[in-house]
mmCIF file of all heavy atoms, coordinates in Angstrom:
data_MODEL
# 
_entry.id   MODEL 
# 
loop_
_atom_site.group_PDB 
_atom_site.id 
_atom_site.type_symbol 
_atom_site.label_atom_id 
_atom_site.label_alt_id 
_atom_site.label_comp_id 
_atom_site.label_asym_id 
_atom_site.label_entity_id 
_atom_site.label_seq_id 
_atom_site.pdbx_PDB_ins_code 
_atom_site.Cartn_x 
_atom_site.Cartn_y 
_atom_site.Cartn_z 
_atom_site.occupancy 
_atom_site.B_iso_or_equiv 
_atom_site.pdbx_formal_charge 
_atom_site.auth_seq_id 
_atom_site.auth_comp_id 
_atom_site.auth_asym_id 
_atom_site.auth_atom_id 
_atom_site.pdbx_PDB_model_num 
ATOM 1   N N   . GLN A 1 1  ? 159.771 -24.108 160.220 1.00 0.00 ? 1  GLN A N   1 
ATOM 2   C CA  . GLN A 1 1  ? 161.172 -24.358 160.516 1.00 0.00 ? 1  GLN A CA  1 
ATOM 3   C C   . GLN A 1 1  ? 161.376 -25.831 160.855 1.00 0.00 ? 1  GLN A C   1 
ATOM 4   O O   . GLN A 1 1  ? 160.487 -26.495 161.406 1.00 0.00 ? 1  GLN A O   1 
ATOM 5   C CB  . GLN A 1 1  ? 161.631 -23.501 161.724 1.00 0.00 ? 1  GLN A CB  1 
ATOM 6   C CG  . GLN A 1 1  ? 161.494 -22.015 161.456 1.00 0.00 ? 1  GLN A CG  1 
ATOM 7   C CD  . GLN A 1 1  ? 161.980 -21.211 162.682 1.00 0.00 ? 1  GLN A CD  1 
ATOM 8   O OE1 . GLN A 1 1  ? 162.925 -21.605 163.340 1.00 0.00 ? 1  GLN A OE1 1 
ATOM 9   N NE2 . GLN A 1 1  ? 161.325 -20.115 162.937 1.00 0.00 ? 1  GLN A NE2 1 
ATOM 10  N N   . ARG A 1 2  ? 162.530 -26.343 160.503 1.00 0.00 ? 2  ARG A N   1 
ATOM 11  C CA  . ARG A 1 2  ? 162.814 -27.729 160.743 1.00 0.00 ? 2  ARG A CA  1 
ATOM 12  C C   . ARG A 1 2  ? 163.459 -27.909 162.131 1.00 0.00 ? 2  ARG A C   1 
ATOM 13  O O   . ARG A 1 2  ? 164.357 -27.135 162.522 1.00 0.00 ? 2  ARG A O   1 
ATOM 14  C CB  . ARG A 1 2  ? 163.765 -28.264 159.682 1.00 0.00 ? 2  ARG A CB  1 
ATOM 15  C CG  . ARG A 1 2  ? 163.899 -29.780 159.735 1.00 0.00 ? 2  ARG A CG  1 
ATOM 16  C CD  . ARG A 1 2  ? 164.859 -30.297 158.668 1.00 0.00 ? 2  ARG A CD  1 
ATOM 17  N NE  . ARG A 1 2  ? 164.843 -31.743 158.559 1.00 0.00 ? 2  ARG A NE  1 
ATOM 18  C CZ  . ARG A 1 2  ? 165.671 -32.438 157.782 1.00 0.00 ? 2  ARG A CZ  1 
ATOM 19  N NH1 . ARG A 1 2  ? 166.555 -31.814 157.050 1.00 0.00 ? 2  ARG A NH1 1 
ATOM 20  N NH2 . ARG A 1 2  ? 165.591 -33.766 157.765 1.00 0.00 ? 2  ARG A NH2 1 
ATOM 21  N N   . ARG A 1 3  ? 163.033 -28.925 162.847 1.00 0.00 ? 3  ARG A N   1 
ATOM 22  C CA  . ARG A 1 3  ? 163.600 -29.193 164.175 1.00 0.00 ? 3  ARG A CA  1 
ATOM 23  C C   . ARG A 1 3  ? 165.012 -29.759 163.995 1.00 0.00 ? 3  ARG A C   1 
ATOM 24  O O   . ARG A 1 3  ? 165.232 -30.671 163.238 1.00 0.00 ? 3  ARG A O   1 
ATOM 25  C CB  . ARG A 1 3  ? 162.733 -30.186 164.948 1.00 0.00 ? 3  ARG A CB  1 
ATOM 26  C CG  . ARG A 1 3  ? 163.280 -30.570 166.310 1.00 0.00 ? 3  ARG A CG  1 
ATOM 27  C CD  . ARG A 1 3  ? 162.443 -31.650 166.942 1.00 0.00 ? 3  ARG A CD  1 
ATOM 28  N NE  . ARG A 1 3  ? 161.117 -31.195 167.188 1.00 0.00 ? 3  ARG A NE  1 
ATOM 29  C CZ  . ARG A 1 3  ? 160.784 -30.548 168.307 1.00 0.00 ? 3  ARG A CZ  1 
ATOM 30  N NH1 . ARG A 1 3  ? 161.694 -30.269 169.222 1.00 0.00 ? 3  ARG A NH1 1 
ATOM 31  N NH2 . ARG A 1 3  ? 159.521 -30.165 168.516 1.00 0.00 ? 3  ARG A NH2 1 
ATOM 32  N N   . MET A 1 4  ? 165.935 -29.192 164.739 1.00 0.00 ? 4  MET A N   1 
ATOM 33  C CA  . MET A 1 4  ? 167.347 -29.662 164.664 1.00 0.00 ? 4  MET A CA  1 
ATOM 34  C C   . MET A 1 4  ? 167.779 -30.426 165.909 1.00 0.00 ? 4  MET A C   1 
ATOM 35  O O   . MET A 1 4  ? 168.712 -31.224 165.863 1.00 0.00 ? 4  MET A O   1 
ATOM 36  C CB  . MET A 1 4  ? 168.300 -28.463 164.431 1.00 0.00 ? 4  MET A CB  1 
ATOM 37  C CG  . MET A 1 4  ? 167.989 -27.681 163.184 1.00 0.00 ? 4  MET A CG  1 
ATOM 38  S SD  . MET A 1 4  ? 167.934 -28.693 161.680 1.00 0.00 ? 4  MET A SD  1 
ATOM 39  C CE  . MET A 1 4  ? 169.617 -29.274 161.597 1.00 0.00 ? 4  MET A CE  1 
ATOM 40  N N   . GLN A 1 5  ? 167.129 -30.180 167.075 1.00 0.00 ? 5  GLN A N   1 
ATOM 41  C CA  . GLN A 1 5  ? 167.502 -30.915 168.286 1.00 0.00 ? 5  GLN A CA  1 
ATOM 42  C C   . GLN A 1 5  ? 166.314 -30.875 169.268 1.00 0.00 ? 5  GLN A C   1 
ATOM 43  O O   . GLN A 1 5  ? 165.383 -30.111 169.109 1.00 0.00 ? 5  GLN A O   1 
ATOM 44  C CB  . GLN A 1 5  ? 168.763 -30.325 168.924 1.00 0.00 ? 5  GLN A CB  1 
ATOM 45  C CG  . GLN A 1 5  ? 168.647 -28.901 169.391 1.00 0.00 ? 5  GLN A CG  1 
ATOM 46  C CD  . GLN A 1 5  ? 169.943 -28.414 170.072 1.00 0.00 ? 5  GLN A CD  1 
ATOM 47  O OE1 . GLN A 1 5  ? 169.863 -27.594 170.979 1.00 0.00 ? 5  GLN A OE1 1 
ATOM 48  N NE2 . GLN A 1 5  ? 171.057 -28.922 169.639 1.00 0.00 ? 5  GLN A NE2 1 
ATOM 49  N N   . PHE A 1 6  ? 166.422 -31.725 170.258 1.00 0.00 ? 6  PHE A N   1 
ATOM 50  C CA  . PHE A 1 6  ? 165.395 -31.796 171.312 1.00 0.00 ? 6  PHE A CA  1 
ATOM 51  C C   . PHE A 1 6  ? 166.160 -32.065 172.638 1.00 0.00 ? 6  PHE A C   1 
ATOM 52  O O   . PHE A 1 6  ? 166.991 -32.935 172.756 1.00 0.00 ? 6  PHE A O   1 
ATOM 53  C CB  . PHE A 1 6  ? 164.412 -32.934 171.069 1.00 0.00 ? 6  PHE A CB  1 
ATOM 54  C CG  . PHE A 1 6  ? 163.341 -33.048 172.162 1.00 0.00 ? 6  PHE A CG  1 
ATOM 55  C CD1 . PHE A 1 6  ? 162.210 -32.245 172.089 1.00 0.00 ? 6  PHE A CD1 1 
ATOM 56  C CD2 . PHE A 1 6  ? 163.504 -33.930 173.162 1.00 0.00 ? 6  PHE A CD2 1 
ATOM 57  C CE1 . PHE A 1 6  ? 161.231 -32.351 173.077 1.00 0.00 ? 6  PHE A CE1 1 
ATOM 58  C CE2 . PHE A 1 6  ? 162.515 -34.054 174.167 1.00 0.00 ? 6  PHE A CE2 1 
ATOM 59  C CZ  . PHE A 1 6  ? 161.382 -33.270 174.102 1.00 0.00 ? 6  PHE A CZ  1 
ATOM 60  N N   . ASP A 1 7  ? 165.764 -31.300 173.668 1.00 0.00 ? 7  ASP A N   1 
ATOM 61  C CA  . ASP A 1 7  ? 166.361 -31.455 174.965 1.00 0.00 ? 7  ASP A CA  1 
ATOM 62  C C   . ASP A 1 7  ? 165.403 -32.169 175.906 1.00 0.00 ? 7  ASP A C   1 
ATOM 63  O O   . ASP A 1 7  ? 164.434 -31.568 176.363 1.00 0.00 ? 7  ASP A O   1 
ATOM 64  C CB  . ASP A 1 7  ? 166.755 -30.107 175.531 1.00 0.00 ? 7  ASP A CB  1 
ATOM 65  C CG  . ASP A 1 7  ? 167.560 -30.183 176.838 1.00 0.00 ? 7  ASP A CG  1 
ATOM 66  O OD1 . ASP A 1 7  ? 167.716 -31.328 177.320 1.00 0.00 ? 7  ASP A OD1 1 
ATOM 67  O OD2 . ASP A 1 7  ? 168.005 -29.188 177.319 1.00 0.00 ? 7  ASP A OD2 1 
ATOM 68  N N   . PRO A 1 8  ? 165.624 -33.462 176.185 1.00 0.00 ? 8  PRO A N   1 
ATOM 69  C CA  . PRO A 1 8  ? 164.695 -34.172 177.056 1.00 0.00 ? 8  PRO A CA  1 
ATOM 70  C C   . PRO A 1 8  ? 164.768 -33.749 178.501 1.00 0.00 ? 8  PRO A C   1 
ATOM 71  O O   . PRO A 1 8  ? 163.933 -34.156 179.319 1.00 0.00 ? 8  PRO A O   1 
ATOM 72  C CB  . PRO A 1 8  ? 165.137 -35.637 176.910 1.00 0.00 ? 8  PRO A CB  1 
ATOM 73  C CG  . PRO A 1 8  ? 166.588 -35.561 176.529 1.00 0.00 ? 8  PRO A CG  1 
ATOM 74  C CD  . PRO A 1 8  ? 166.698 -34.294 175.713 1.00 0.00 ? 8  PRO A CD  1 
ATOM 75  N N   . ARG A 1 9  ? 165.749 -32.919 178.878 1.00 0.00 ? 9  ARG A N   1 
ATOM 76  C CA  . ARG A 1 9  ? 165.910 -32.483 180.218 1.00 0.00 ? 9  ARG A CA  1 
ATOM 77  C C   . ARG A 1 9  ? 165.176 -31.181 180.511 1.00 0.00 ? 9  ARG A C   1 
ATOM 78  O O   . ARG A 1 9  ? 165.162 -30.666 181.622 1.00 0.00 ? 9  ARG A O   1 
ATOM 79  C CB  . ARG A 1 9  ? 167.399 -32.264 180.570 1.00 0.00 ? 9  ARG A CB  1 
ATOM 80  C CG  . ARG A 1 9  ? 168.252 -33.483 180.267 1.00 0.00 ? 9  ARG A CG  1 
ATOM 81  C CD  . ARG A 1 9  ? 169.703 -33.058 180.212 1.00 0.00 ? 9  ARG A CD  1 
ATOM 82  N NE  . ARG A 1 9  ? 169.947 -32.088 179.179 1.00 0.00 ? 9  ARG A NE  1 
ATOM 83  C CZ  . ARG A 1 9  ? 171.050 -31.347 179.054 1.00 0.00 ? 9  ARG A CZ  1 
ATOM 84  N NH1 . ARG A 1 9  ? 172.005 -31.487 179.940 1.00 0.00 ? 9  ARG A NH1 1 
ATOM 85  N NH2 . ARG A 1 9  ? 171.179 -30.455 178.092 1.00 0.00 ? 9  ARG A NH2 1 
ATOM 86  N N   . SER A 1 10 ? 164.507 -30.635 179.511 1.00 0.00 ? 10 SER A N   1 
ATOM 87  C CA  . SER A 1 10 ? 163.963 -29.284 179.588 1.00 0.00 ? 10 SER A CA  1 
ATOM 88  C C   . SER A 1 10 ? 163.008 -29.091 180.745 1.00 0.00 ? 10 SER A C   1 
ATOM 89  O O   . SER A 1 10 ? 163.149 -28.141 181.532 1.00 0.00 ? 10 SER A O   1 
ATOM 90  C CB  . SER A 1 10 ? 163.275 -28.875 178.289 1.00 0.00 ? 10 SER A CB  1 
ATOM 91  O OG  . SER A 1 10 ? 164.203 -28.955 177.206 1.00 0.00 ? 10 SER A OG  1 
ATOM 92  N N   . ARG A 1 11 ? 162.019 -29.948 180.883 1.00 0.00 ? 11 ARG A N   1 
ATOM 93  C CA  . ARG A 1 11 ? 161.029 -29.760 181.930 1.00 0.00 ? 11 ARG A CA  1 
ATOM 94  C C   . ARG A 1 11 ? 161.692 -29.854 183.299 1.00 0.00 ? 11 ARG A C   1 
ATOM 95  O O   . ARG A 1 11 ? 161.423 -29.051 184.186 1.00 0.00 ? 11 ARG A O   1 
ATOM 96  C CB  . ARG A 1 11 ? 159.929 -30.831 181.766 1.00 0.00 ? 11 ARG A CB  1 
ATOM 97  C CG  . ARG A 1 11 ? 158.761 -30.632 182.763 1.00 0.00 ? 11 ARG A CG  1 
ATOM 98  C CD  . ARG A 1 11 ? 158.838 -31.487 183.959 1.00 0.00 ? 11 ARG A CD  1 
ATOM 99  N NE  . ARG A 1 11 ? 158.252 -32.779 183.754 1.00 0.00 ? 11 ARG A NE  1 
ATOM 100 C CZ  . ARG A 1 11 ? 158.040 -33.674 184.728 1.00 0.00 ? 11 ARG A CZ  1 
ATOM 101 N NH1 . ARG A 1 11 ? 158.404 -33.399 185.935 1.00 0.00 ? 11 ARG A NH1 1 
ATOM 102 N NH2 . ARG A 1 11 ? 157.544 -34.850 184.468 1.00 0.00 ? 11 ARG A NH2 1 
ATOM 103 N N   . HIS A 1 12 ? 162.578 -30.808 183.465 1.00 0.00 ? 12 HIS A N   1 
ATOM 104 C CA  . HIS A 1 12 ? 163.221 -30.982 184.782 1.00 0.00 ? 12 HIS A CA  1 
ATOM 105 C C   . HIS A 1 12 ? 164.054 -29.730 185.158 1.00 0.00 ? 12 HIS A C   1 
ATOM 106 O O   . HIS A 1 12 ? 164.166 -29.360 186.282 1.00 0.00 ? 12 HIS A O   1 
ATOM 107 C CB  . HIS A 1 12 ? 164.081 -32.226 184.777 1.00 0.00 ? 12 HIS A CB  1 
ATOM 108 C CG  . HIS A 1 12 ? 163.290 -33.491 184.495 1.00 0.00 ? 12 HIS A CG  1 
ATOM 109 N ND1 . HIS A 1 12 ? 162.565 -34.097 185.478 1.00 0.00 ? 12 HIS A ND1 1 
ATOM 110 C CD2 . HIS A 1 12 ? 163.088 -34.177 183.369 1.00 0.00 ? 12 HIS A CD2 1 
ATOM 111 C CE1 . HIS A 1 12 ? 161.963 -35.172 184.958 1.00 0.00 ? 12 HIS A CE1 1 
ATOM 112 N NE2 . HIS A 1 12 ? 162.275 -35.240 183.681 1.00 0.00 ? 12 HIS A NE2 1 
ATOM 113 N N   . THR A 1 13 ? 164.657 -29.133 184.158 1.00 0.00 ? 13 THR A N   1 
ATOM 114 C CA  . THR A 1 13 ? 165.446 -27.937 184.388 1.00 0.00 ? 13 THR A CA  1 
ATOM 115 C C   . THR A 1 13 ? 164.595 -26.793 184.915 1.00 0.00 ? 13 THR A C   1 
ATOM 116 O O   . THR A 1 13 ? 164.947 -26.052 185.809 1.00 0.00 ? 13 THR A O   1 
ATOM 117 C CB  . THR A 1 13 ? 166.172 -27.486 183.108 1.00 0.00 ? 13 THR A CB  1 
ATOM 118 O OG1 . THR A 1 13 ? 166.996 -28.564 182.634 1.00 0.00 ? 13 THR A OG1 1 
ATOM 119 C CG2 . THR A 1 13 ? 167.061 -26.257 183.389 1.00 0.00 ? 13 THR A CG2 1 
ATOM 120 N N   . VAL A 1 14 ? 163.378 -26.663 184.325 1.00 0.00 ? 14 VAL A N   1 
ATOM 121 C CA  . VAL A 1 14 ? 162.468 -25.577 184.721 1.00 0.00 ? 14 VAL A CA  1 
ATOM 122 C C   . VAL A 1 14 ? 161.983 -25.771 186.144 1.00 0.00 ? 14 VAL A C   1 
ATOM 123 O O   . VAL A 1 14 ? 162.073 -24.873 186.945 1.00 0.00 ? 14 VAL A O   1 
ATOM 124 C CB  . VAL A 1 14 ? 161.279 -25.524 183.755 1.00 0.00 ? 14 VAL A CB  1 
ATOM 125 C CG1 . VAL A 1 14 ? 160.234 -24.546 184.262 1.00 0.00 ? 14 VAL A CG1 1 
ATOM 126 C CG2 . VAL A 1 14 ? 161.728 -25.090 182.384 1.00 0.00 ? 14 VAL A CG2 1 
ATOM 127 N N   . VAL A 1 15 ? 161.516 -26.926 186.474 1.00 0.00 ? 15 VAL A N   1 
ATOM 128 C CA  . VAL A 1 15 ? 160.866 -27.127 187.776 1.00 0.00 ? 15 VAL A CA  1 
ATOM 129 C C   . VAL A 1 15 ? 161.902 -27.159 188.919 1.00 0.00 ? 15 VAL A C   1 
ATOM 130 O O   . VAL A 1 15 ? 161.601 -26.714 190.025 1.00 0.00 ? 15 VAL A O   1 
ATOM 131 C CB  . VAL A 1 15 ? 160.013 -28.382 187.806 1.00 0.00 ? 15 VAL A CB  1 
ATOM 132 C CG1 . VAL A 1 15 ? 158.885 -28.266 186.809 1.00 0.00 ? 15 VAL A CG1 1 
ATOM 133 C CG2 . VAL A 1 15 ? 160.835 -29.648 187.553 1.00 0.00 ? 15 VAL A CG2 1 
ATOM 134 N N   . ASP A 1 16 ? 163.072 -27.694 188.684 1.00 0.00 ? 16 ASP A N   1 
ATOM 135 C CA  . ASP A 1 16 ? 164.038 -27.800 189.728 1.00 0.00 ? 16 ASP A CA  1 
ATOM 136 C C   . ASP A 1 16 ? 164.481 -26.418 190.249 1.00 0.00 ? 16 ASP A C   1 
ATOM 137 O O   . ASP A 1 16 ? 164.781 -26.230 191.418 1.00 0.00 ? 16 ASP A O   1 
ATOM 138 C CB  . ASP A 1 16 ? 165.266 -28.557 189.250 1.00 0.00 ? 16 ASP A CB  1 
ATOM 139 C CG  . ASP A 1 16 ? 164.987 -30.047 189.107 1.00 0.00 ? 16 ASP A CG  1 
ATOM 140 O OD1 . ASP A 1 16 ? 163.921 -30.484 189.622 1.00 0.00 ? 16 ASP A OD1 1 
ATOM 141 O OD2 . ASP A 1 16 ? 165.789 -30.758 188.499 1.00 0.00 ? 16 ASP A OD2 1 
ATOM 142 N N   . ILE A 1 17 ? 164.534 -25.438 189.327 1.00 0.00 ? 17 ILE A N   1 
ATOM 143 C CA  . ILE A 1 17 ? 164.958 -24.103 189.721 1.00 0.00 ? 17 ILE A CA  1 
ATOM 144 C C   . ILE A 1 17 ? 163.931 -23.410 190.577 1.00 0.00 ? 17 ILE A C   1 
ATOM 145 O O   . ILE A 1 17 ? 164.268 -22.725 191.504 1.00 0.00 ? 17 ILE A O   1 
ATOM 146 C CB  . ILE A 1 17 ? 165.280 -23.256 188.445 1.00 0.00 ? 17 ILE A CB  1 
ATOM 147 C CG1 . ILE A 1 17 ? 166.451 -23.854 187.710 1.00 0.00 ? 17 ILE A CG1 1 
ATOM 148 C CG2 . ILE A 1 17 ? 165.499 -21.800 188.768 1.00 0.00 ? 17 ILE A CG2 1 
ATOM 149 C CD1 . ILE A 1 17 ? 166.777 -23.151 186.413 1.00 0.00 ? 17 ILE A CD1 1 
ATOM 150 N N   . GLU A 1 18 ? 162.671 -23.602 190.283 1.00 0.00 ? 18 GLU A N   1 
ATOM 151 C CA  . GLU A 1 18 ? 161.627 -22.832 190.936 1.00 0.00 ? 18 GLU A CA  1 
ATOM 152 C C   . GLU A 1 18 ? 161.111 -23.435 192.227 1.00 0.00 ? 18 GLU A C   1 
ATOM 153 O O   . GLU A 1 18 ? 160.814 -22.732 193.169 1.00 0.00 ? 18 GLU A O   1 
ATOM 154 C CB  . GLU A 1 18 ? 160.494 -22.627 189.973 1.00 0.00 ? 18 GLU A CB  1 
ATOM 155 C CG  . GLU A 1 18 ? 160.900 -21.833 188.698 1.00 0.00 ? 18 GLU A CG  1 
ATOM 156 C CD  . GLU A 1 18 ? 159.757 -21.713 187.731 1.00 0.00 ? 18 GLU A CD  1 
ATOM 157 O OE1 . GLU A 1 18 ? 158.815 -22.505 187.874 1.00 0.00 ? 18 GLU A OE1 1 
ATOM 158 O OE2 . GLU A 1 18 ? 159.812 -20.860 186.851 1.00 0.00 ? 18 GLU A OE2 1 
ATOM 159 N N   . ASP A 1 19 ? 160.963 -24.720 192.261 1.00 0.00 ? 19 ASP A N   1 
ATOM 160 C CA  . ASP A 1 19 ? 160.335 -25.337 193.427 1.00 0.00 ? 19 ASP A CA  1 
ATOM 161 C C   . ASP A 1 19 ? 160.779 -26.788 193.508 1.00 0.00 ? 19 ASP A C   1 
ATOM 162 O O   . ASP A 1 19 ? 160.516 -27.562 192.585 1.00 0.00 ? 19 ASP A O   1 
ATOM 163 C CB  . ASP A 1 19 ? 158.824 -25.246 193.313 1.00 0.00 ? 19 ASP A CB  1 
ATOM 164 C CG  . ASP A 1 19 ? 158.099 -25.838 194.515 1.00 0.00 ? 19 ASP A CG  1 
ATOM 165 O OD1 . ASP A 1 19 ? 158.775 -26.302 195.433 1.00 0.00 ? 19 ASP A OD1 1 
ATOM 166 O OD2 . ASP A 1 19 ? 156.846 -25.791 194.513 1.00 0.00 ? 19 ASP A OD2 1 
ATOM 167 N N   . PRO A 1 20 ? 161.389 -27.212 194.586 1.00 0.00 ? 20 PRO A N   1 
ATOM 168 C CA  . PRO A 1 20 ? 161.855 -28.614 194.729 1.00 0.00 ? 20 PRO A CA  1 
ATOM 169 C C   . PRO A 1 20 ? 160.728 -29.615 194.620 1.00 0.00 ? 20 PRO A C   1 
ATOM 170 O O   . PRO A 1 20 ? 160.931 -30.747 194.192 1.00 0.00 ? 20 PRO A O   1 
ATOM 171 C CB  . PRO A 1 20 ? 162.525 -28.643 196.080 1.00 0.00 ? 20 PRO A CB  1 
ATOM 172 C CG  . PRO A 1 20 ? 162.862 -27.189 196.407 1.00 0.00 ? 20 PRO A CG  1 
ATOM 173 C CD  . PRO A 1 20 ? 161.803 -26.398 195.742 1.00 0.00 ? 20 PRO A CD  1 
ATOM 174 N N   . ASP A 1 21 ? 159.498 -29.202 195.016 1.00 0.00 ? 21 ASP A N   1 
ATOM 175 C CA  . ASP A 1 21 ? 158.378 -30.156 194.995 1.00 0.00 ? 21 ASP A CA  1 
ATOM 176 C C   . ASP A 1 21 ? 157.530 -30.036 193.752 1.00 0.00 ? 21 ASP A C   1 
ATOM 177 O O   . ASP A 1 21 ? 156.528 -30.729 193.593 1.00 0.00 ? 21 ASP A O   1 
ATOM 178 C CB  . ASP A 1 21 ? 157.470 -29.877 196.210 1.00 0.00 ? 21 ASP A CB  1 
ATOM 179 C CG  . ASP A 1 21 ? 158.219 -30.117 197.536 1.00 0.00 ? 21 ASP A CG  1 
ATOM 180 O OD1 . ASP A 1 21 ? 159.064 -31.021 197.568 1.00 0.00 ? 21 ASP A OD1 1 
ATOM 181 O OD2 . ASP A 1 21 ? 157.973 -29.392 198.496 1.00 0.00 ? 21 ASP A OD2 1 
ATOM 182 N N   . ALA A 1 22 ? 157.929 -29.133 192.861 1.00 0.00 ? 22 ALA A N   1 
ATOM 183 C CA  . ALA A 1 22 ? 157.093 -28.886 191.664 1.00 0.00 ? 22 ALA A CA  1 
ATOM 184 C C   . ALA A 1 22 ? 156.946 -30.105 190.796 1.00 0.00 ? 22 ALA A C   1 
ATOM 185 O O   . ALA A 1 22 ? 155.885 -30.362 190.211 1.00 0.00 ? 22 ALA A O   1 
ATOM 186 C CB  . ALA A 1 22 ? 157.675 -27.719 190.872 1.00 0.00 ? 22 ALA A CB  1 
ATOM 187 N N   . GLU A 1 23 ? 158.030 -30.884 190.682 1.00 0.00 ? 23 GLU A N   1 
ATOM 188 C CA  . GLU A 1 23 ? 157.982 -32.037 189.783 1.00 0.00 ? 23 GLU A CA  1 
ATOM 189 C C   . GLU A 1 23 ? 156.977 -33.069 190.239 1.00 0.00 ? 23 GLU A C   1 
ATOM 190 O O   . GLU A 1 23 ? 156.287 -33.657 189.439 1.00 0.00 ? 23 GLU A O   1 
ATOM 191 C CB  . GLU A 1 23 ? 159.357 -32.670 189.684 1.00 0.00 ? 23 GLU A CB  1 
ATOM 192 C CG  . GLU A 1 23 ? 159.466 -33.740 188.614 1.00 0.00 ? 23 GLU A CG  1 
ATOM 193 C CD  . GLU A 1 23 ? 160.891 -34.139 188.298 1.00 0.00 ? 23 GLU A CD  1 
ATOM 194 O OE1 . GLU A 1 23 ? 161.823 -33.384 188.684 1.00 0.00 ? 23 GLU A OE1 1 
ATOM 195 O OE2 . GLU A 1 23 ? 161.086 -35.186 187.693 1.00 0.00 ? 23 GLU A OE2 1 
ATOM 196 N N   . ASP A 1 24 ? 156.874 -33.273 191.565 1.00 0.00 ? 24 ASP A N   1 
ATOM 197 C CA  . ASP A 1 24 ? 155.867 -34.199 192.071 1.00 0.00 ? 24 ASP A CA  1 
ATOM 198 C C   . ASP A 1 24 ? 154.465 -33.721 191.804 1.00 0.00 ? 24 ASP A C   1 
ATOM 199 O O   . ASP A 1 24 ? 153.561 -34.490 191.471 1.00 0.00 ? 24 ASP A O   1 
ATOM 200 C CB  . ASP A 1 24 ? 156.068 -34.378 193.580 1.00 0.00 ? 24 ASP A CB  1 
ATOM 201 C CG  . ASP A 1 24 ? 157.364 -35.102 193.923 1.00 0.00 ? 24 ASP A CG  1 
ATOM 202 O OD1 . ASP A 1 24 ? 157.869 -35.846 193.071 1.00 0.00 ? 24 ASP A OD1 1 
ATOM 203 O OD2 . ASP A 1 24 ? 157.857 -34.908 195.048 1.00 0.00 ? 24 ASP A OD2 1 
ATOM 204 N N   . ASN A 1 25 ? 154.269 -32.372 191.876 1.00 0.00 ? 25 ASN A N   1 
ATOM 205 C CA  . ASN A 1 25 ? 152.952 -31.818 191.592 1.00 0.00 ? 25 ASN A CA  1 
ATOM 206 C C   . ASN A 1 25 ? 152.602 -31.989 190.127 1.00 0.00 ? 25 ASN A C   1 
ATOM 207 O O   . ASN A 1 25 ? 151.458 -32.278 189.789 1.00 0.00 ? 25 ASN A O   1 
ATOM 208 C CB  . ASN A 1 25 ? 152.945 -30.333 191.953 1.00 0.00 ? 25 ASN A CB  1 
ATOM 209 C CG  . ASN A 1 25 ? 153.131 -30.094 193.448 1.00 0.00 ? 25 ASN A CG  1 
ATOM 210 O OD1 . ASN A 1 25 ? 152.818 -30.943 194.275 1.00 0.00 ? 25 ASN A OD1 1 
ATOM 211 N ND2 . ASN A 1 25 ? 153.685 -28.920 193.797 1.00 0.00 ? 25 ASN A ND2 1 
ATOM 212 N N   . ILE A 1 26 ? 153.582 -31.837 189.241 1.00 0.00 ? 26 ILE A N   1 
ATOM 213 C CA  . ILE A 1 26 ? 153.364 -32.000 187.813 1.00 0.00 ? 26 ILE A CA  1 
ATOM 214 C C   . ILE A 1 26 ? 152.972 -33.437 187.520 1.00 0.00 ? 26 ILE A C   1 
ATOM 215 O O   . ILE A 1 26 ? 152.064 -33.732 186.733 1.00 0.00 ? 26 ILE A O   1 
ATOM 216 C CB  . ILE A 1 26 ? 154.592 -31.561 187.003 1.00 0.00 ? 26 ILE A CB  1 
ATOM 217 C CG1 . ILE A 1 26 ? 154.770 -30.065 187.112 1.00 0.00 ? 26 ILE A CG1 1 
ATOM 218 C CG2 . ILE A 1 26 ? 154.497 -32.019 185.545 1.00 0.00 ? 26 ILE A CG2 1 
ATOM 219 C CD1 . ILE A 1 26 ? 156.048 -29.567 186.411 1.00 0.00 ? 26 ILE A CD1 1 
ATOM 220 N N   . ASP A 1 27 ? 153.663 -34.411 188.121 1.00 0.00 ? 27 ASP A N   1 
ATOM 221 C CA  . ASP A 1 27 ? 153.356 -35.789 187.945 1.00 0.00 ? 27 ASP A CA  1 
ATOM 222 C C   . ASP A 1 27 ? 151.955 -36.118 188.306 1.00 0.00 ? 27 ASP A C   1 
ATOM 223 O O   . ASP A 1 27 ? 151.267 -36.834 187.597 1.00 0.00 ? 27 ASP A O   1 
ATOM 224 C CB  . ASP A 1 27 ? 154.310 -36.659 188.723 1.00 0.00 ? 27 ASP A CB  1 
ATOM 225 C CG  . ASP A 1 27 ? 155.748 -36.630 188.156 1.00 0.00 ? 27 ASP A CG  1 
ATOM 226 O OD1 . ASP A 1 27 ? 155.926 -36.168 187.016 1.00 0.00 ? 27 ASP A OD1 1 
ATOM 227 O OD2 . ASP A 1 27 ? 156.654 -37.105 188.870 1.00 0.00 ? 27 ASP A OD2 1 
ATOM 228 N N   . ASP A 1 28 ? 151.466 -35.544 189.412 1.00 0.00 ? 28 ASP A N   1 
ATOM 229 C CA  . ASP A 1 28 ? 150.086 -35.767 189.831 1.00 0.00 ? 28 ASP A CA  1 
ATOM 230 C C   . ASP A 1 28 ? 149.115 -35.187 188.831 1.00 0.00 ? 28 ASP A C   1 
ATOM 231 O O   . ASP A 1 28 ? 148.071 -35.793 188.545 1.00 0.00 ? 28 ASP A O   1 
ATOM 232 C CB  . ASP A 1 28 ? 149.878 -35.124 191.199 1.00 0.00 ? 28 ASP A CB  1 
ATOM 233 C CG  . ASP A 1 28 ? 150.626 -35.847 192.317 1.00 0.00 ? 28 ASP A CG  1 
ATOM 234 O OD1 . ASP A 1 28 ? 151.011 -36.991 192.107 1.00 0.00 ? 28 ASP A OD1 1 
ATOM 235 O OD2 . ASP A 1 28 ? 150.869 -35.200 193.375 1.00 0.00 ? 28 ASP A OD2 1 
# 
């Protein structure tokens, strides 16, 4: 299948919902 779009906010949307500190842990 051909890619039609990309959402650069996807990862931030996932981690913000589940754990406020998750993004810092991912960065590490």
